[in-house]
Amino acid sequence: MTGPSDAILLTTEGSHSQLTLDLTQDITNGLGQHTCQREREEITNHLGPGAGDGGENDQLPQPCEVDRLDSHSELPRQFKDITNNFKADDAKKSFDRTKLPWYSRPEPTLDPVVREMLDKKHFYLVNYKEVKHDLLGQADCLAFPDSLWHNVIVGNYINLDKVYTGVRKTVKEVCLHSEWTVAFHSAKPTILYLYPNCQEEFATYESFIIGQFVATKPDEHCRVIALNKAIRKEAARVNNCTLMTVSSFNAFGTQYLNAIRLSASALGTSSHSSLGKRR
């Protein structure tokens, strides 16, 4: 006759396998819990070659006591990453915009192109890492110097000298019309890939700069390039204008170009005057 204590004897191979499976699940799924080393060793020793042969000593060990993971225990790396992501999400959710000094100010009236660009810029800033990873994984992503992608994504000023260096693989300061064209035509489609709403703005601006190159002597093209740099820096610095509507647009034209044309005009007047005296 079988007594109550016989219920805990390992009498079949199936019981042995079930115990092994239970032990494996206990160790694998025990996130946040751990089993004391001494008791695990007892279980391992118990499941030796003679385990499960029906002997009278094949009695299950007492269940080991499971404790909570203390604060000093190390979690696997993947769980740390998940935990950090949750913390970052919680931090975003807890951000209270009503405490910002400009929260209650009325929204200014902006050009629709500027408004759309600001919306995209805000989204890219908040999700910068994800945007860049997804962008670089696109099949039609354009080749562009890696060090300049940040400025493209968040709408910062892009130095065409560095663009030209990345394209031509040589360190060079852009000084000629042809060099500016190479750098600008590399940067333009890259920017429009992220800000397609600026297509018309860039087309108008490019026509304007090319017109300045045409109207200026080749040995003075460096001044046109300086004008281009000043305008694009200003447009990137503020959030309420386009390349063609920066507040200092006319002032920049006077500063970088009018001096050349005034000098040329003075030279022409002087030549005519000298010619008249000879007569």
Protein backbone atom coordinates (compact mmCIF):
# COMPACT_ATOMS: atom_id res chain seq x y z
CA MET A 1 0.00 0.00 0.00
CA THR A 2 1.34 3.40 -0.97
CA GLY A 3 1.63 5.98 1.76
CA PRO A 4 1.22 9.77 1.45
CA SER A 5 4.99 10.28 1.56
CA ASP A 6 5.42 8.11 -1.53
CA ALA A 7 3.78 10.86 -3.63
CA ILE A 8 6.98 12.84 -3.67
CA LEU A 9 9.23 9.98 -4.89
CA LEU A 10 10.78 10.19 -8.36
CA THR A 11 9.58 6.85 -9.77
CA THR A 12 9.53 7.56 -13.51
CA GLU A 13 11.68 9.21 -16.11
CA GLY A 14 8.80 11.58 -16.84
CA SER A 15 8.96 12.94 -13.30
CA HIS A 16 12.68 13.53 -13.71
CA SER A 17 12.10 15.43 -16.98
CA GLN A 18 9.31 17.49 -15.44
CA LEU A 19 11.54 18.47 -12.55
CA THR A 20 14.30 19.50 -14.94
CA LEU A 21 11.80 21.56 -17.00
CA ASP A 22 10.43 23.24 -13.88
CA LEU A 23 13.95 24.09 -12.75
CA THR A 24 14.84 25.53 -16.17
CA GLN A 25 11.69 27.66 -16.29
CA ASP A 26 12.32 28.87 -12.75
CA ILE A 27 15.83 30.05 -13.64
CA THR A 28 14.96 31.46 -17.10
CA ASN A 29 11.76 33.31 -16.22
CA GLY A 30 12.88 34.55 -12.84
CA LEU A 31 13.35 38.24 -13.84
CA GLY A 32 13.53 40.22 -10.67
CA GLN A 33 14.09 37.05 -8.60
CA HIS A 34 17.07 34.81 -7.82
CA THR A 35 17.67 31.40 -6.29
CA CYS A 36 20.27 30.96 -3.61
CA GLN A 37 23.42 29.24 -4.83
CA ARG A 38 23.50 26.56 -2.13
CA GLU A 39 20.03 25.26 -2.92
CA ARG A 40 20.66 25.23 -6.68
CA GLU A 41 23.74 23.12 -6.08
CA GLU A 42 21.65 20.68 -4.02
CA ILE A 43 19.18 20.32 -6.91
CA THR A 44 22.01 19.81 -9.42
CA ASN A 45 23.61 17.14 -7.22
CA HIS A 46 20.25 15.47 -6.76
CA LEU A 47 19.70 15.17 -10.53
CA GLY A 48 22.73 12.90 -10.94
CA PRO A 49 23.05 9.73 -12.98
CA GLY A 50 21.00 7.71 -10.44
CA ALA A 51 18.10 10.15 -10.25
CA GLY A 52 14.72 8.83 -11.33
CA ASP A 53 15.60 5.10 -10.94
CA GLY A 54 12.86 4.54 -8.41
CA GLY A 55 15.17 4.39 -5.39
CA GLU A 56 13.86 5.25 -1.95
CA ASN A 57 16.27 8.20 -1.61
CA ASP A 58 15.00 9.89 -4.78
CA GLN A 59 12.97 12.39 -2.79
CA LEU A 60 12.41 15.89 -4.07
CA PRO A 61 14.33 18.55 -2.21
CA GLN A 62 12.37 21.13 -0.33
CA PRO A 63 11.46 24.10 -2.55
CA CYS A 64 14.10 26.79 -2.30
CA GLU A 65 13.06 30.13 -0.93
CA VAL A 66 12.73 32.81 -3.59
CA ASP A 67 13.67 36.31 -2.65
CA ARG A 68 13.15 39.58 -4.40
CA LEU A 69 16.08 40.94 -6.40
CA ASP A 70 17.87 43.41 -4.19
CA SER A 71 18.75 46.88 -5.44
CA HIS A 72 22.41 45.97 -5.98
CA SER A 73 21.76 43.04 -8.34
CA GLU A 74 22.62 43.57 -12.01
CA LEU A 75 19.95 43.21 -14.69
CA PRO A 76 20.82 41.91 -18.15
CA ARG A 77 21.75 44.63 -20.64
CA GLN A 78 18.59 44.30 -22.71
CA PHE A 79 16.43 44.85 -19.64
CA LYS A 80 18.51 47.91 -18.69
CA ASP A 81 17.86 49.38 -22.15
CA ILE A 82 14.11 48.78 -21.81
CA THR A 83 14.11 50.36 -18.36
CA ASN A 84 15.99 53.42 -19.62
CA ASN A 85 13.51 53.82 -22.50
CA PHE A 86 10.61 53.73 -20.06
CA LYS A 87 12.31 56.38 -17.94
CA ALA A 88 12.85 58.60 -20.99
CA ASP A 89 9.20 58.22 -22.01
CA ASP A 90 8.08 59.08 -18.51
CA ALA A 91 10.27 62.18 -18.54
CA LYS A 92 8.71 63.30 -21.83
CA LYS A 93 5.19 62.74 -20.50
CA SER A 94 5.94 64.69 -17.33
CA PHE A 95 7.16 67.78 -19.23
CA ASP A 96 4.75 70.61 -18.46
CA ARG A 97 4.72 73.22 -21.23
CA THR A 98 2.45 75.52 -19.25
CA LYS A 99 5.44 76.48 -17.10
CA LEU A 100 7.28 77.96 -20.09
CA PRO A 101 7.25 81.79 -20.14
CA TRP A 102 6.14 81.90 -23.78
CA TYR A 103 3.32 79.36 -23.39
CA SER A 104 0.53 81.91 -23.01
CA ARG A 105 1.79 84.25 -25.75
CA PRO A 106 -0.37 84.43 -28.89
CA GLU A 107 0.99 82.59 -31.91
CA PRO A 108 2.52 85.00 -34.46
CA THR A 109 1.25 85.09 -38.01
CA LEU A 110 3.75 83.20 -40.12
CA ASP A 111 4.24 82.34 -43.76
CA PRO A 112 2.74 78.84 -44.32
CA VAL A 113 6.15 77.61 -45.51
CA VAL A 114 7.77 78.86 -42.32
CA ARG A 115 5.03 77.33 -40.15
CA GLU A 116 5.38 73.92 -41.80
CA MET A 117 9.16 74.03 -41.50
CA LEU A 118 8.90 74.88 -37.79
CA ASP A 119 6.51 71.96 -37.21
CA LYS A 120 8.92 69.57 -38.93
CA LYS A 121 11.90 71.02 -37.09
CA HIS A 122 10.17 70.54 -33.73
CA PHE A 123 9.33 66.92 -34.56
CA TYR A 124 12.90 66.21 -35.72
CA LEU A 125 14.38 67.76 -32.57
CA VAL A 126 12.17 65.73 -30.23
CA ASN A 127 12.82 62.48 -32.11
CA TYR A 128 16.31 63.19 -33.46
CA LYS A 129 17.87 59.75 -32.92
CA GLU A 130 14.94 57.85 -34.42
CA VAL A 131 14.68 60.27 -37.37
CA LYS A 132 18.37 59.91 -38.25
CA HIS A 133 18.33 56.11 -37.96
CA ASP A 134 15.25 55.87 -40.18
CA LEU A 135 16.58 58.45 -42.64
CA LEU A 136 19.93 56.72 -43.19
CA GLY A 137 18.10 53.43 -43.73
CA GLN A 138 16.08 54.75 -46.69
CA ALA A 139 16.97 53.29 -50.09
CA ASP A 140 16.97 56.73 -51.73
CA CYS A 141 18.85 58.52 -48.94
CA LEU A 142 21.36 60.88 -50.55
CA ALA A 143 25.09 60.62 -50.01
CA PHE A 144 26.17 63.42 -47.68
CA PRO A 145 29.01 64.00 -45.18
CA ASP A 146 27.98 62.21 -41.98
CA SER A 147 29.23 65.03 -39.75
CA LEU A 148 26.74 67.45 -41.37
CA TRP A 149 23.55 65.37 -41.04
CA HIS A 150 22.73 66.87 -37.64
CA ASN A 151 22.63 70.40 -39.07
CA VAL A 152 20.45 69.25 -41.97
CA ILE A 153 17.95 67.46 -39.74
CA VAL A 154 17.45 70.28 -37.22
CA GLY A 155 17.61 73.10 -39.77
CA ASN A 156 20.93 74.63 -38.72
CA TYR A 157 23.32 76.57 -40.97
CA ILE A 158 25.26 74.27 -43.30
CA ASN A 159 28.81 75.28 -44.16
CA LEU A 160 29.26 74.83 -47.92
CA ASP A 161 33.04 74.69 -47.47
CA LYS A 162 32.57 71.44 -45.53
CA VAL A 163 30.06 70.16 -48.07
CA TYR A 164 32.54 70.79 -50.89
CA THR A 165 35.29 69.09 -48.89
CA GLY A 166 33.08 66.04 -48.36
CA VAL A 167 32.11 65.86 -52.05
CA ARG A 168 35.56 66.49 -53.57
CA LYS A 169 37.52 64.77 -50.77
CA THR A 170 39.83 67.74 -50.47
CA VAL A 171 39.91 70.54 -47.91
CA LYS A 172 38.88 73.68 -49.75
CA GLU A 173 37.29 77.03 -49.03
CA VAL A 174 34.68 77.79 -51.66
CA CYS A 175 35.79 80.88 -53.59
CA LEU A 176 34.61 80.37 -57.17
CA HIS A 177 31.19 80.27 -58.77
CA SER A 178 31.80 76.70 -59.98
CA GLU A 179 32.79 75.54 -56.48
CA TRP A 180 29.72 77.16 -54.94
CA THR A 181 27.53 75.43 -57.52
CA VAL A 182 28.97 71.99 -56.66
CA ALA A 183 28.48 72.51 -52.90
CA PHE A 184 25.03 74.11 -53.16
CA HIS A 185 23.72 71.44 -55.54
CA SER A 186 24.86 68.78 -53.07
CA ALA A 187 23.28 70.45 -50.03
CA LYS A 188 20.03 71.56 -51.68
CA PRO A 189 18.44 68.14 -52.42
CA THR A 190 19.59 66.84 -49.05
CA ILE A 191 17.78 69.66 -47.24
CA LEU A 192 14.70 69.27 -49.42
CA TYR A 193 14.59 65.55 -48.61
CA LEU A 194 13.69 66.53 -45.02
CA TYR A 195 11.96 69.84 -45.78
CA PRO A 196 10.22 69.35 -49.16
CA ASN A 197 7.95 72.32 -48.51
CA CYS A 198 10.97 74.62 -49.12
CA GLN A 199 11.29 73.64 -52.81
CA GLU A 200 10.06 76.97 -54.20
CA GLU A 201 12.07 78.98 -51.65
CA PHE A 202 15.33 77.29 -52.67
CA ALA A 203 14.61 77.68 -56.40
CA THR A 204 14.01 81.42 -55.97
CA TYR A 205 17.08 81.87 -53.79
CA GLU A 206 19.35 79.95 -56.17
CA SER A 207 18.20 82.13 -59.08
CA PHE A 208 18.97 85.24 -57.03
CA ILE A 209 22.52 84.14 -56.17
CA ILE A 210 23.28 83.04 -59.71
CA GLY A 211 22.12 86.48 -60.88
CA GLN A 212 24.64 88.07 -58.51
CA PHE A 213 27.42 85.92 -59.93
CA VAL A 214 26.47 86.98 -63.46
CA ALA A 215 26.43 90.67 -62.52
CA THR A 216 29.79 90.54 -60.73
CA LYS A 217 33.28 90.17 -62.17
CA PRO A 218 34.82 86.72 -61.60
CA ASP A 219 37.59 88.11 -59.41
CA GLU A 220 34.87 89.49 -57.09
CA HIS A 221 32.81 86.28 -56.86
CA CYS A 222 34.13 85.72 -53.36
CA ARG A 223 31.92 88.64 -52.28
CA VAL A 224 28.82 86.92 -53.69
CA ILE A 225 29.78 83.78 -51.79
CA ALA A 226 30.18 85.86 -48.62
CA LEU A 227 26.71 87.34 -49.23
CA ASN A 228 25.25 83.85 -49.62
CA LYS A 229 26.87 82.76 -46.36
CA ALA A 230 25.55 85.77 -44.45
CA ILE A 231 21.98 85.31 -45.71
CA ARG A 232 21.85 81.57 -44.97
CA LYS A 233 23.34 82.03 -41.50
CA GLU A 234 20.72 84.62 -40.66
CA ALA A 235 17.86 82.50 -42.02
CA ALA A 236 19.03 79.50 -39.95
CA ARG A 237 19.47 81.63 -36.82
CA VAL A 238 15.86 82.86 -36.66
CA ASN A 239 12.63 80.88 -37.00
CA ASN A 240 10.27 83.39 -38.59
CA CYS A 241 11.64 83.93 -42.11
CA THR A 242 12.75 82.29 -45.34
CA LEU A 243 16.00 82.78 -47.25
CA MET A 244 14.39 85.58 -49.26
CA THR A 245 12.69 87.34 -46.35
CA VAL A 246 15.45 87.69 -43.73
CA SER A 247 15.25 91.10 -42.10
CA SER A 248 18.83 91.98 -43.04
CA PHE A 249 18.50 90.91 -46.69
CA ASN A 250 18.88 94.39 -48.20
CA ALA A 251 21.54 95.38 -45.67
CA PHE A 252 23.62 92.35 -46.63
CA GLY A 253 23.30 93.26 -50.32
CA THR A 254 24.58 96.75 -49.59
CA GLN A 255 27.40 95.48 -47.42
CA TYR A 256 28.76 92.82 -49.77
CA LEU A 257 27.83 93.98 -53.27
CA ASN A 258 27.06 97.68 -53.52
CA ALA A 259 30.62 98.63 -52.53
CA ILE A 260 31.88 96.75 -55.60
CA ARG A 261 29.42 98.41 -57.93
CA LEU A 262 30.02 101.86 -56.46
CA SER A 263 33.74 101.41 -56.98
CA ALA A 264 33.14 100.29 -60.55
CA SER A 265 30.86 103.26 -61.11
CA ALA A 266 33.44 105.67 -59.68
CA LEU A 267 36.12 104.13 -61.87
CA GLY A 268 33.93 104.57 -64.94
CA THR A 269 33.19 108.21 -64.07
CA SER A 270 36.88 108.87 -63.57
CA SER A 271 37.71 107.34 -66.96
CA HIS A 272 35.09 109.45 -68.73
CA SER A 273 36.39 112.56 -66.98
CA SER A 274 39.96 111.89 -68.02
CA LEU A 275 38.81 111.25 -71.60
CA GLY A 276 36.96 114.57 -71.64
CA LYS A 277 40.02 116.51 -70.47
CA ARG A 278 42.11 115.00 -73.22
CA ARG A 279 39.68 116.26 -75.75
